[in-house]
Amino acid sequence: VVARLLAAERAFLASILLATDAACAGH
């Protein structure tokens, strides 16, 4: 359960940061 949680949290965070990075760059 812990391994799955860690992998999912890393993916959720990456999805958020990719989106906000792109928005800041106007993409």
PDB file of all heavy atoms in Angstrom:
ATOM      1  N   VAL A   1       0.834  -1.193   0.000  1.00  0.00           N
ATOM      2  CA  VAL A   1       0.000   0.000   0.000  1.00  0.00           C
ATOM      3  C   VAL A   1       0.875   1.251   0.000  1.00  0.00           C
ATOM      4  O   VAL A   1       0.619   2.214  -0.730  1.00  0.00           O
ATOM      5  CB  VAL A   1      -0.938   0.002   1.217  1.00  0.00           C
ATOM      6  CG1 VAL A   1      -1.682   1.314   1.331  1.00  0.00           C
ATOM      7  CG2 VAL A   1      -1.933  -1.155   1.120  1.00  0.00           C
ATOM      8  N   VAL A   2       1.933   1.222   0.793  1.00  0.00           N
ATOM      9  CA  VAL A   2       2.830   2.378   0.871  1.00  0.00           C
ATOM     10  C   VAL A   2       3.510   2.628  -0.469  1.00  0.00           C
ATOM     11  O   VAL A   2       3.609   3.764  -0.935  1.00  0.00           O
ATOM     12  CB  VAL A   2       3.877   2.173   1.981  1.00  0.00           C
ATOM     13  CG1 VAL A   2       4.957   3.246   1.913  1.00  0.00           C
ATOM     14  CG2 VAL A   2       3.206   2.196   3.348  1.00  0.00           C
ATOM     15  N   ALA A   3       3.977   1.554  -1.102  1.00  0.00           N
ATOM     16  CA  ALA A   3       4.642   1.718  -2.398  1.00  0.00           C
ATOM     17  C   ALA A   3       3.702   2.344  -3.423  1.00  0.00           C
ATOM     18  O   ALA A   3       4.097   3.225  -4.194  1.00  0.00           O
ATOM     19  CB  ALA A   3       5.131   0.361  -2.895  1.00  0.00           C
ATOM     20  N   ARG A   4       2.456   1.889  -3.421  1.00  0.00           N
ATOM     21  CA  ARG A   4       1.477   2.432  -4.365  1.00  0.00           C
ATOM     22  C   ARG A   4       1.163   3.889  -4.051  1.00  0.00           C
ATOM     23  O   ARG A   4       1.034   4.722  -4.949  1.00  0.00           O
ATOM     24  CB  ARG A   4       0.209   1.588  -4.336  1.00  0.00           C
ATOM     25  CG  ARG A   4      -0.827   2.008  -5.360  1.00  0.00           C
ATOM     26  CD  ARG A   4      -1.994   1.036  -5.375  1.00  0.00           C
ATOM     27  NE  ARG A   4      -3.023   1.462  -6.313  1.00  0.00           N
ATOM     28  CZ  ARG A   4      -3.004   1.201  -7.608  1.00  0.00           C
ATOM     29  NH1 ARG A   4      -2.013   0.502  -8.120  1.00  0.00           N
ATOM     30  NH2 ARG A   4      -3.983   1.619  -8.398  1.00  0.00           N
ATOM     31  N   LEU A   5       1.055   4.190  -2.765  1.00  0.00           N
ATOM     32  CA  LEU A   5       0.788   5.570  -2.368  1.00  0.00           C
ATOM     33  C   LEU A   5       1.901   6.500  -2.825  1.00  0.00           C
ATOM     34  O   LEU A   5       1.644   7.580  -3.364  1.00  0.00           O
ATOM     35  CB  LEU A   5       0.647   5.649  -0.845  1.00  0.00           C
ATOM     36  CG  LEU A   5      -0.734   5.448  -0.249  1.00  0.00           C
ATOM     37  CD1 LEU A   5      -0.647   5.377   1.270  1.00  0.00           C
ATOM     38  CD2 LEU A   5      -1.662   6.579  -0.669  1.00  0.00           C
ATOM     39  N   LEU A   6       3.130   6.090  -2.602  1.00  0.00           N
ATOM     40  CA  LEU A   6       4.262   6.947  -2.958  1.00  0.00           C
ATOM     41  C   LEU A   6       4.324   7.187  -4.463  1.00  0.00           C
ATOM     42  O   LEU A   6       4.577   8.307  -4.914  1.00  0.00           O
ATOM     43  CB  LEU A   6       5.565   6.321  -2.462  1.00  0.00           C
ATOM     44  CG  LEU A   6       5.752   6.286  -0.941  1.00  0.00           C
ATOM     45  CD1 LEU A   6       6.975   5.451  -0.581  1.00  0.00           C
ATOM     46  CD2 LEU A   6       5.870   7.684  -0.366  1.00  0.00           C
ATOM     47  N   ALA A   7       4.097   6.134  -5.229  1.00  0.00           N
ATOM     48  CA  ALA A   7       4.127   6.281  -6.687  1.00  0.00           C
ATOM     49  C   ALA A   7       3.009   7.199  -7.163  1.00  0.00           C
ATOM     50  O   ALA A   7       3.216   8.056  -8.046  1.00  0.00           O
ATOM     51  CB  ALA A   7       3.997   4.909  -7.345  1.00  0.00           C
ATOM     52  N   ALA A   8       1.821   7.035  -6.591  1.00  0.00           N
ATOM     53  CA  ALA A   8       0.681   7.856  -7.009  1.00  0.00           C
ATOM     54  C   ALA A   8       0.883   9.315  -6.623  1.00  0.00           C
ATOM     55  O   ALA A   8       0.601  10.224  -7.416  1.00  0.00           O
ATOM     56  CB  ALA A   8      -0.603   7.321  -6.389  1.00  0.00           C
ATOM     57  N   GLU A   9       1.386   9.567  -5.419  1.00  0.00           N
ATOM     58  CA  GLU A   9       1.588  10.947  -4.985  1.00  0.00           C
ATOM     59  C   GLU A   9       2.624  11.646  -5.861  1.00  0.00           C
ATOM     60  O   GLU A   9       2.479  12.828  -6.186  1.00  0.00           O
ATOM     61  CB  GLU A   9       1.995  10.981  -3.513  1.00  0.00           C
ATOM     62  CG  GLU A   9       0.855  10.622  -2.578  1.00  0.00           C
ATOM     63  CD  GLU A   9       1.151  10.940  -1.134  1.00  0.00           C
ATOM     64  OE1 GLU A   9       2.330  11.196  -0.790  1.00  0.00           O
ATOM     65  OE2 GLU A   9       0.190  10.941  -0.329  1.00  0.00           O
ATOM     66  N   ARG A  10       3.650  10.917  -6.248  1.00  0.00           N
ATOM     67  CA  ARG A  10       4.660  11.512  -7.129  1.00  0.00           C
ATOM     68  C   ARG A  10       4.046  11.852  -8.481  1.00  0.00           C
ATOM     69  O   ARG A  10       4.331  12.909  -9.061  1.00  0.00           O
ATOM     70  CB  ARG A  10       5.820  10.526  -7.293  1.00  0.00           C
ATOM     71  CG  ARG A  10       7.001  11.088  -8.052  1.00  0.00           C
ATOM     72  CD  ARG A  10       8.243  10.243  -7.830  1.00  0.00           C
ATOM     73  NE  ARG A  10       9.333  10.761  -8.637  1.00  0.00           N
ATOM     74  CZ  ARG A  10       9.768  10.213  -9.767  1.00  0.00           C
ATOM     75  NH1 ARG A  10       9.171   9.128 -10.223  1.00  0.00           N
ATOM     76  NH2 ARG A  10      10.749  10.739 -10.434  1.00  0.00           N
ATOM     77  N   ALA A  11       3.158  10.970  -8.982  1.00  0.00           N
ATOM     78  CA  ALA A  11       2.513  11.220 -10.272  1.00  0.00           C
ATOM     79  C   ALA A  11       1.526  12.387 -10.175  1.00  0.00           C
ATOM     80  O   ALA A  11       1.458  13.242 -11.060  1.00  0.00           O
ATOM     81  CB  ALA A  11       1.790   9.962 -10.749  1.00  0.00           C
ATOM     82  N   PHE A  12       0.732  12.434  -9.088  1.00  0.00           N
ATOM     83  CA  PHE A  12      -0.208  13.547  -8.907  1.00  0.00           C
ATOM     84  C   PHE A  12       0.543  14.876  -8.894  1.00  0.00           C
ATOM     85  O   PHE A  12       0.138  15.846  -9.536  1.00  0.00           O
ATOM     86  CB  PHE A  12      -0.967  13.399  -7.579  1.00  0.00           C
ATOM     87  CG  PHE A  12      -1.895  12.226  -7.506  1.00  0.00           C
ATOM     88  CD1 PHE A  12      -2.344  11.779  -6.276  1.00  0.00           C
ATOM     89  CD2 PHE A  12      -2.329  11.563  -8.640  1.00  0.00           C
ATOM     90  CE1 PHE A  12      -3.208  10.701  -6.182  1.00  0.00           C
ATOM     91  CE2 PHE A  12      -3.193  10.480  -8.556  1.00  0.00           C
ATOM     92  CZ  PHE A  12      -3.639  10.051  -7.319  1.00  0.00           C
ATOM     93  N   LEU A  13       1.634  14.910  -8.131  1.00  0.00           N
ATOM     94  CA  LEU A  13       2.400  16.152  -8.010  1.00  0.00           C
ATOM     95  C   LEU A  13       3.000  16.550  -9.357  1.00  0.00           C
ATOM     96  O   LEU A  13       2.973  17.730  -9.726  1.00  0.00           O
ATOM     97  CB  LEU A  13       3.500  15.985  -6.963  1.00  0.00           C
ATOM     98  CG  LEU A  13       4.383  17.206  -6.710  1.00  0.00           C
ATOM     99  CD1 LEU A  13       3.552  18.420  -6.326  1.00  0.00           C
ATOM    100  CD2 LEU A  13       5.420  16.907  -5.633  1.00  0.00           C
ATOM    101  N   ALA A  14       3.529  15.587 -10.087  1.00  0.00           N
ATOM    102  CA  ALA A  14       4.104  15.896 -11.396  1.00  0.00           C
ATOM    103  C   ALA A  14       3.044  16.457 -12.330  1.00  0.00           C
ATOM    104  O   ALA A  14       3.299  17.422 -13.072  1.00  0.00           O
ATOM    105  CB  ALA A  14       4.726  14.636 -12.005  1.00  0.00           C
ATOM    106  N   SER A  15       1.842  15.879 -12.307  1.00  0.00           N
ATOM    107  CA  SER A  15       0.756  16.365 -13.154  1.00  0.00           C
ATOM    108  C   SER A  15       0.421  17.819 -12.836  1.00  0.00           C
ATOM    109  O   SER A  15       0.226  18.642 -13.739  1.00  0.00           O
ATOM    110  CB  SER A  15      -0.483  15.483 -12.960  1.00  0.00           C
ATOM    111  OG  SER A  15      -1.567  15.961 -13.721  1.00  0.00           O
ATOM    112  N   ILE A  16       0.389  18.146 -11.556  1.00  0.00           N
ATOM    113  CA  ILE A  16       0.095  19.518 -11.144  1.00  0.00           C
ATOM    114  C   ILE A  16       1.199  20.468 -11.589  1.00  0.00           C
ATOM    115  O   ILE A  16       0.942  21.544 -12.161  1.00  0.00           O
ATOM    116  CB  ILE A  16      -0.084  19.583  -9.615  1.00  0.00           C
ATOM    117  CG1 ILE A  16      -1.389  18.901  -9.202  1.00  0.00           C
ATOM    118  CG2 ILE A  16      -0.062  21.036  -9.118  1.00  0.00           C
ATOM    119  CD1 ILE A  16      -1.540  18.730  -7.700  1.00  0.00           C
ATOM    120  N   LEU A  17       2.440  20.095 -11.344  1.00  0.00           N
ATOM    121  CA  LEU A  17       3.558  20.989 -11.654  1.00  0.00           C
ATOM    122  C   LEU A  17       3.747  21.182 -13.153  1.00  0.00           C
ATOM    123  O   LEU A  17       4.072  22.288 -13.610  1.00  0.00           O
ATOM    124  CB  LEU A  17       4.838  20.449 -11.021  1.00  0.00           C
ATOM    125  CG  LEU A  17       4.836  20.392  -9.491  1.00  0.00           C
ATOM    126  CD1 LEU A  17       6.160  19.845  -8.974  1.00  0.00           C
ATOM    127  CD2 LEU A  17       4.543  21.756  -8.885  1.00  0.00           C
ATOM    128  N   LEU A  18       3.540  20.126 -13.938  1.00  0.00           N
ATOM    129  CA  LEU A  18       3.614  20.275 -15.388  1.00  0.00           C
ATOM    130  C   LEU A  18       2.558  21.254 -15.888  1.00  0.00           C
ATOM    131  O   LEU A  18       2.808  22.061 -16.783  1.00  0.00           O
ATOM    132  CB  LEU A  18       3.438  18.912 -16.062  1.00  0.00           C
ATOM    133  CG  LEU A  18       4.618  17.942 -15.957  1.00  0.00           C
ATOM    134  CD1 LEU A  18       4.214  16.556 -16.439  1.00  0.00           C
ATOM    135  CD2 LEU A  18       5.813  18.449 -16.756  1.00  0.00           C
ATOM    136  N   ALA A  19       1.359  21.173 -15.296  1.00  0.00           N
ATOM    137  CA  ALA A  19       0.274  22.054 -15.712  1.00  0.00           C
ATOM    138  C   ALA A  19       0.554  23.501 -15.325  1.00  0.00           C
ATOM    139  O   ALA A  19       0.375  24.424 -16.134  1.00  0.00           O
ATOM    140  CB  ALA A  19      -1.043  21.585 -15.095  1.00  0.00           C
ATOM    141  N   THR A  20       0.993  23.743 -14.096  1.00  0.00           N
ATOM    142  CA  THR A  20       1.241  25.115 -13.660  1.00  0.00           C
ATOM    143  C   THR A  20       2.480  25.701 -14.348  1.00  0.00           C
ATOM    144  O   THR A  20       2.504  26.885 -14.664  1.00  0.00           O
ATOM    145  CB  THR A  20       1.391  25.179 -12.131  1.00  0.00           C
ATOM    146  OG1 THR A  20       2.389  24.245 -11.696  1.00  0.00           O
ATOM    147  CG2 THR A  20       0.068  24.846 -11.451  1.00  0.00           C
ATOM    148  N   ASP A  21       3.484  24.870 -14.599  1.00  0.00           N
ATOM    149  CA  ASP A  21       4.655  25.340 -15.347  1.00  0.00           C
ATOM    150  C   ASP A  21       4.238  25.816 -16.739  1.00  0.00           C
ATOM    151  O   ASP A  21       4.668  26.875 -17.220  1.00  0.00           O
ATOM    152  CB  ASP A  21       5.690  24.223 -15.499  1.00  0.00           C
ATOM    153  CG  ASP A  21       6.401  23.893 -14.202  1.00  0.00           C
ATOM    154  OD1 ASP A  21       6.244  24.647 -13.232  1.00  0.00           O
ATOM    155  OD2 ASP A  21       7.113  22.862 -14.171  1.00  0.00           O
ATOM    156  N   ALA A  22       3.419  24.996 -17.412  1.00  0.00           N
ATOM    157  CA  ALA A  22       2.978  25.336 -18.764  1.00  0.00           C
ATOM    158  C   ALA A  22       2.131  26.600 -18.757  1.00  0.00           C
ATOM    159  O   ALA A  22       2.266  27.457 -19.644  1.00  0.00           O
ATOM    160  CB  ALA A  22       2.192  24.168 -19.365  1.00  0.00           C
ATOM    161  N   ALA A  23       1.252  26.725 -17.758  1.00  0.00           N
ATOM    162  CA  ALA A  23       0.400  27.911 -17.684  1.00  0.00           C
ATOM    163  C   ALA A  23       1.227  29.171 -17.496  1.00  0.00           C
ATOM    164  O   ALA A  23       0.958  30.214 -18.112  1.00  0.00           O
ATOM    165  CB  ALA A  23      -0.605  27.747 -16.541  1.00  0.00           C
ATOM    166  N   CYS A  24       2.252  29.083 -16.663  1.00  0.00           N
ATOM    167  CA  CYS A  24       3.126  30.244 -16.442  1.00  0.00           C
ATOM    168  C   CYS A  24       3.854  30.641 -17.722  1.00  0.00           C
ATOM    169  O   CYS A  24       4.132  31.819 -17.956  1.00  0.00           O
ATOM    170  CB  CYS A  24       4.132  29.933 -15.343  1.00  0.00           C
ATOM    171  SG  CYS A  24       3.439  29.888 -13.679  1.00  0.00           S
ATOM    172  N   ALA A  25       4.167  29.643 -18.554  1.00  0.00           N
ATOM    173  CA  ALA A  25       4.880  29.907 -19.811  1.00  0.00           C
ATOM    174  C   ALA A  25       3.933  30.228 -20.952  1.00  0.00           C
ATOM    175  O   ALA A  25       4.383  30.506 -22.070  1.00  0.00           O
ATOM    176  CB  ALA A  25       5.733  28.694 -20.172  1.00  0.00           C
ATOM    177  N   GLY A  26       2.619  30.186 -20.687  1.00  0.00           N
ATOM    178  CA  GLY A  26       1.642  30.479 -21.723  1.00  0.00           C
ATOM    179  C   GLY A  26       1.410  29.340 -22.687  1.00  0.00           C
ATOM    180  O   GLY A  26       0.924  29.559 -23.801  1.00  0.00           O
ATOM    181  N   HIS A  27       1.724  28.109 -22.265  1.00  0.00           N
ATOM    182  CA  HIS A  27       1.558  26.946 -23.124  1.00  0.00           C
ATOM    183  C   HIS A  27       0.433  26.047 -22.601  1.00  0.00           C
ATOM    184  O   HIS A  27       0.033  26.141 -21.438  1.00  0.00           O
ATOM    185  CB  HIS A  27       2.850  26.116 -23.184  1.00  0.00           C
ATOM    186  CG  HIS A  27       4.028  26.894 -23.660  1.00  0.00           C
ATOM    187  ND1 HIS A  27       5.311  26.673 -23.202  1.00  0.00           N
ATOM    188  CD2 HIS A  27       4.129  27.916 -24.556  1.00  0.00           C
ATOM    189  CE1 HIS A  27       6.149  27.505 -23.786  1.00  0.00           C
ATOM    190  NE2 HIS A  27       5.447  28.273 -24.612  1.00  0.00           N
TER     191      HIS A  27
END
